[in-house]
Amino acid sequence: MTGDTGDDDRLAGLFREAASDGGAPAPGFDHGDVVATSRRITARRRSAVIGGALALFVVAGVGTVVALPREDTSTTSAAAPAERAADRAAAPAPAPPALAAPAPAAGGGSGGTESGSGAGAAGQPGAPPAPPLGPGSTTCADRQDPALRGLLVEVLPEAASAPAAATTDVCLPGSERYVSLELGGGVFTVAYLPPGTVASLPVGASSAPTASGGTVIVSPPPALRDRAPAILQYLGPRL
């Protein structure tokens, strides 16, 4: 330890002698130069640090600006179709077109009219019965058959109030029908003969076949003979 200390003392003395040597050259800079140089170095270091920080901020800022629009655009593009689909689903469905009223079938109107006409004709007094009146069912023929008189009144209305004419008491077959009235200034007689009966016509009488296969005979007084054809035409389909 003592030897080391002596060496240090010798070296320190040598440095002091060198520094105090009057023949050594004068230094090329003074204290002011050192201070100025130190300030310049410090200023350059500060500029470098600030410049690096600004560059880093600019790069980070540009990256942020570029990234934000991309995220916003992608979000909008993805959401827009879903919103449009939701709007279409919420929109009310269009009302169905009103259905037009069906047109009447061809000939329907005329058919209805014809049916009405037919019903009216069937409902008219004196329409032919179905089946026709046909033969009687009594033991002896009724000389004032009410069913035959009812048909005669339909075609000859004045027969309704005409009095019954006198007849014989001879029993004729019950399948025959008769009516005899005092009408037109004489005796007006109508007779129905069933099928298979041979008719014998008196003077002034006329006859016609019936729907049941029999014969109807009309014997009017002279004043009503011109009515006989119409009466036969009416009674034939109904007897």
Protein backbone atom coordinates (compact mmCIF):
# COMPACT_ATOMS: atom_id res chain seq x y z
CA MET A 1 0.00 0.00 0.00
CA THR A 2 2.87 2.41 0.76
CA GLY A 3 4.59 1.81 -2.57
CA ASP A 4 1.45 2.52 -4.52
CA THR A 5 0.93 5.79 -2.71
CA GLY A 6 4.45 6.95 -3.51
CA ASP A 7 3.97 6.29 -7.20
CA ASP A 8 0.80 8.30 -7.22
CA ASP A 9 2.51 11.19 -5.56
CA ARG A 10 5.32 11.14 -8.13
CA LEU A 11 2.88 11.13 -11.04
CA ALA A 12 0.92 14.00 -9.57
CA GLY A 13 4.07 16.00 -9.12
CA LEU A 14 5.07 15.41 -12.73
CA PHE A 15 1.69 16.68 -13.96
CA ARG A 16 1.94 19.78 -11.87
CA GLU A 17 5.38 20.51 -13.23
CA ALA A 18 4.17 20.03 -16.77
CA ALA A 19 1.24 22.33 -16.26
CA SER A 20 3.32 25.03 -14.73
CA ASP A 21 6.07 24.79 -17.34
CA GLY A 22 6.47 28.23 -18.88
CA GLY A 23 7.77 26.84 -22.15
CA ALA A 24 4.62 24.91 -23.03
CA PRO A 25 2.50 26.31 -25.93
CA ALA A 26 -0.59 28.37 -25.10
CA PRO A 27 -4.01 26.49 -25.43
CA GLY A 28 -6.01 26.99 -28.71
CA PHE A 29 -9.38 27.61 -26.95
CA ASP A 30 -10.58 29.29 -23.82
CA HIS A 31 -13.51 28.82 -21.46
CA GLY A 32 -16.01 30.68 -23.71
CA ASP A 33 -15.26 28.42 -26.65
CA VAL A 34 -16.00 25.35 -24.58
CA VAL A 35 -19.34 26.75 -23.41
CA ALA A 36 -20.42 27.71 -26.94
CA THR A 37 -19.48 24.33 -28.32
CA SER A 38 -21.39 22.58 -25.56
CA ARG A 39 -24.51 24.66 -26.32
CA ARG A 40 -24.34 23.85 -30.03
CA ILE A 41 -24.08 20.12 -29.33
CA THR A 42 -27.03 20.31 -26.91
CA ALA A 43 -29.15 22.22 -29.48
CA ARG A 44 -28.43 19.64 -32.20
CA ARG A 45 -29.41 16.82 -29.87
CA ARG A 46 -32.69 18.55 -28.97
CA SER A 47 -33.51 19.16 -32.66
CA ALA A 48 -32.84 15.52 -33.45
CA VAL A 49 -35.13 14.35 -30.63
CA ILE A 50 -37.97 16.78 -31.61
CA GLY A 51 -37.64 15.87 -35.29
CA GLY A 52 -37.85 12.18 -34.53
CA ALA A 53 -40.90 12.69 -32.35
CA LEU A 54 -42.64 14.76 -35.06
CA ALA A 55 -41.88 12.14 -37.68
CA LEU A 56 -43.29 9.42 -35.47
CA PHE A 57 -46.44 11.50 -34.78
CA VAL A 58 -46.98 12.18 -38.50
CA VAL A 59 -46.60 8.50 -39.38
CA ALA A 60 -48.94 7.46 -36.57
CA GLY A 61 -51.46 10.17 -37.50
CA VAL A 62 -51.51 9.19 -41.19
CA GLY A 63 -51.98 5.57 -40.24
CA THR A 64 -54.91 6.46 -38.02
CA VAL A 65 -56.56 8.64 -40.64
CA VAL A 66 -56.26 5.94 -43.27
CA ALA A 67 -57.48 3.18 -40.99
CA LEU A 68 -60.60 4.95 -39.74
CA PRO A 69 -62.26 5.51 -43.16
CA ARG A 70 -61.62 1.87 -44.10
CA GLU A 71 -63.34 0.58 -40.96
CA ASP A 72 -66.24 3.02 -41.38
CA THR A 73 -66.69 2.11 -45.07
CA SER A 74 -66.71 -1.61 -44.40
CA THR A 75 -69.23 -1.18 -41.57
CA THR A 76 -71.55 0.93 -43.71
CA SER A 77 -71.31 -1.44 -46.67
CA ALA A 78 -72.15 -4.46 -44.52
CA ALA A 79 -75.02 -2.79 -42.69
CA ALA A 80 -76.71 -1.20 -45.73
CA PRO A 81 -78.04 -4.47 -47.32
CA ALA A 82 -79.36 -5.66 -43.97
CA GLU A 83 -81.18 -2.37 -43.40
CA ARG A 84 -82.69 -2.47 -46.90
CA ALA A 85 -83.83 -6.07 -46.38
CA ALA A 86 -85.41 -5.10 -43.05
CA ASP A 87 -87.22 -2.17 -44.72
CA ARG A 88 -88.58 -4.47 -47.43
CA ALA A 89 -89.74 -7.01 -44.86
CA ALA A 90 -91.49 -4.29 -42.81
CA ALA A 91 -93.17 -2.75 -45.86
CA PRO A 92 -96.86 -3.85 -46.15
CA ALA A 93 -97.65 -6.33 -48.89
CA PRO A 94 -99.59 -4.87 -51.84
CA ALA A 95 -103.31 -5.42 -51.67
CA PRO A 96 -104.58 -8.13 -54.02
CA PRO A 97 -106.41 -6.84 -57.09
CA ALA A 98 -110.04 -6.66 -56.70
CA LEU A 99 -111.70 -9.55 -58.16
CA ALA A 100 -114.15 -8.75 -61.04
CA ALA A 101 -117.81 -9.94 -60.82
CA PRO A 102 -118.42 -13.11 -62.95
CA ALA A 103 -120.21 -12.53 -66.24
CA PRO A 104 -123.58 -14.27 -66.69
CA ALA A 105 -123.51 -17.51 -68.62
CA ALA A 106 -124.37 -17.28 -72.28
CA GLY A 107 -128.08 -17.52 -72.77
CA GLY A 108 -128.66 -17.37 -68.99
CA GLY A 109 -130.93 -14.32 -69.16
CA SER A 110 -133.07 -15.69 -71.96
CA GLY A 111 -133.21 -19.09 -70.23
CA GLY A 112 -134.50 -17.47 -67.05
CA THR A 113 -137.09 -15.56 -69.02
CA GLU A 114 -138.25 -18.68 -70.79
CA SER A 115 -138.49 -20.55 -67.48
CA GLY A 116 -140.56 -17.75 -66.00
CA SER A 117 -142.83 -17.76 -69.03
CA GLY A 118 -143.27 -21.50 -68.74
CA ALA A 119 -144.13 -21.25 -65.05
CA GLY A 120 -146.60 -18.49 -65.77
CA ALA A 121 -148.23 -20.54 -68.49
CA ALA A 122 -148.51 -23.56 -66.20
CA GLY A 123 -150.07 -21.39 -63.50
CA GLN A 124 -152.77 -20.01 -65.80
CA PRO A 125 -156.29 -21.29 -65.23
CA GLY A 126 -157.17 -24.25 -67.41
CA ALA A 127 -153.58 -25.53 -67.87
CA PRO A 128 -153.64 -29.21 -68.86
CA PRO A 129 -153.32 -31.50 -65.85
CA ALA A 130 -150.70 -34.21 -65.68
CA PRO A 131 -151.91 -36.86 -66.21
CA PRO A 132 -155.08 -35.86 -68.13
CA LEU A 133 -158.48 -36.33 -66.52
CA GLY A 134 -159.24 -39.58 -68.34
CA PRO A 135 -162.15 -41.98 -67.71
CA GLY A 136 -164.56 -41.77 -64.76
CA SER A 137 -164.68 -44.20 -61.87
CA THR A 138 -168.34 -44.35 -60.87
CA THR A 139 -170.85 -47.22 -61.38
CA CYS A 140 -172.98 -45.19 -63.78
CA ALA A 141 -171.76 -42.18 -65.69
CA ASP A 142 -172.34 -38.86 -63.92
CA ARG A 143 -174.55 -36.80 -66.26
CA GLN A 144 -173.29 -33.59 -64.56
CA ASP A 145 -169.65 -34.55 -63.97
CA PRO A 146 -168.13 -31.71 -61.87
CA ALA A 147 -164.55 -32.31 -63.09
CA LEU A 148 -165.61 -32.08 -66.75
CA ARG A 149 -167.71 -28.99 -66.04
CA GLY A 150 -164.72 -27.34 -64.35
CA LEU A 151 -162.65 -27.76 -67.52
CA LEU A 152 -165.50 -26.41 -69.68
CA VAL A 153 -165.78 -23.26 -67.55
CA GLU A 154 -162.10 -22.50 -68.15
CA VAL A 155 -162.67 -22.23 -71.90
CA LEU A 156 -166.36 -21.16 -71.80
CA PRO A 157 -166.75 -18.88 -68.73
CA GLU A 158 -170.51 -18.42 -69.17
CA ALA A 159 -170.95 -22.13 -68.36
CA ALA A 160 -170.19 -21.37 -64.71
CA SER A 161 -173.63 -19.82 -64.12
CA ALA A 162 -175.60 -21.91 -66.58
CA PRO A 163 -178.29 -24.24 -65.04
CA ALA A 164 -178.08 -27.98 -65.51
CA ALA A 165 -180.22 -29.35 -68.36
CA ALA A 166 -182.65 -32.27 -67.92
CA THR A 167 -181.19 -35.72 -68.63
CA THR A 168 -182.47 -39.34 -68.70
CA ASP A 169 -181.99 -41.87 -65.92
CA VAL A 170 -180.42 -44.46 -68.20
CA CYS A 171 -177.24 -45.87 -66.61
CA LEU A 172 -174.34 -45.34 -68.93
CA PRO A 173 -170.87 -46.84 -68.31
CA GLY A 174 -169.16 -45.18 -65.34
CA SER A 175 -165.95 -44.62 -67.37
CA GLU A 176 -167.81 -42.02 -69.42
CA ARG A 177 -168.22 -38.38 -68.42
CA TYR A 178 -171.02 -35.92 -69.30
CA VAL A 179 -172.19 -32.38 -68.64
CA SER A 180 -175.42 -30.85 -70.00
CA LEU A 181 -176.29 -27.18 -69.55
CA GLU A 182 -178.99 -24.77 -70.67
CA LEU A 183 -176.80 -22.31 -72.52
CA GLY A 184 -176.95 -20.19 -75.71
CA GLY A 185 -180.73 -20.62 -76.18
CA GLY A 186 -180.57 -24.42 -76.09
CA VAL A 187 -178.85 -27.42 -74.50
CA PHE A 188 -175.08 -27.44 -74.54
CA THR A 189 -173.65 -30.96 -74.05
CA VAL A 190 -170.08 -32.21 -73.65
CA ALA A 191 -169.31 -35.94 -73.49
CA TYR A 192 -166.07 -37.87 -72.86
CA LEU A 193 -165.86 -41.45 -74.13
CA PRO A 194 -162.99 -43.69 -72.91
CA PRO A 195 -160.61 -45.50 -75.29
CA GLY A 196 -162.28 -48.27 -77.33
CA THR A 197 -165.69 -46.61 -77.40
CA VAL A 198 -167.25 -45.93 -80.83
CA ALA A 199 -168.69 -42.41 -80.92
CA SER A 200 -172.03 -41.69 -82.60
CA LEU A 201 -172.30 -37.99 -83.36
CA PRO A 202 -175.67 -36.27 -83.34
CA VAL A 203 -176.49 -33.54 -85.83
CA GLY A 204 -174.40 -30.41 -85.31
CA ALA A 205 -171.90 -32.21 -83.00
CA SER A 206 -168.12 -32.35 -83.47
CA SER A 207 -165.38 -34.42 -81.83
CA ALA A 208 -161.61 -34.62 -81.20
CA PRO A 209 -159.21 -37.22 -79.75
CA THR A 210 -158.03 -36.77 -76.14
CA ALA A 211 -154.67 -37.18 -74.39
CA SER A 212 -155.89 -40.32 -72.61
CA GLY A 213 -156.80 -42.03 -75.91
CA GLY A 214 -160.52 -41.36 -75.69
CA THR A 215 -162.85 -39.00 -77.57
CA VAL A 216 -164.44 -35.67 -76.61
CA ILE A 217 -167.73 -34.65 -78.25
CA VAL A 218 -169.24 -31.15 -78.17
CA SER A 219 -172.92 -30.63 -79.06
CA PRO A 220 -173.65 -26.86 -78.91
CA PRO A 221 -176.84 -25.02 -79.76
CA PRO A 222 -176.72 -23.09 -83.07
CA ALA A 223 -175.73 -19.86 -81.29
CA LEU A 224 -172.53 -21.42 -79.93
CA ARG A 225 -171.43 -23.65 -82.79
CA ASP A 226 -168.71 -21.23 -83.82
CA ARG A 227 -167.16 -21.77 -80.36
CA ALA A 228 -166.98 -25.53 -80.76
CA PRO A 229 -163.52 -25.73 -82.47
CA ALA A 230 -161.84 -23.71 -79.71
CA ILE A 231 -163.56 -25.77 -77.00
CA LEU A 232 -162.44 -29.06 -78.57
CA GLN A 233 -158.86 -27.77 -78.96
CA TYR A 234 -158.77 -26.85 -75.28
CA LEU A 235 -160.39 -29.96 -73.83
CA GLY A 236 -158.58 -32.56 -75.99
CA PRO A 237 -155.16 -32.30 -74.21
CA ARG A 238 -156.85 -32.26 -70.78
CA LEU A 239 -159.09 -35.35 -71.10
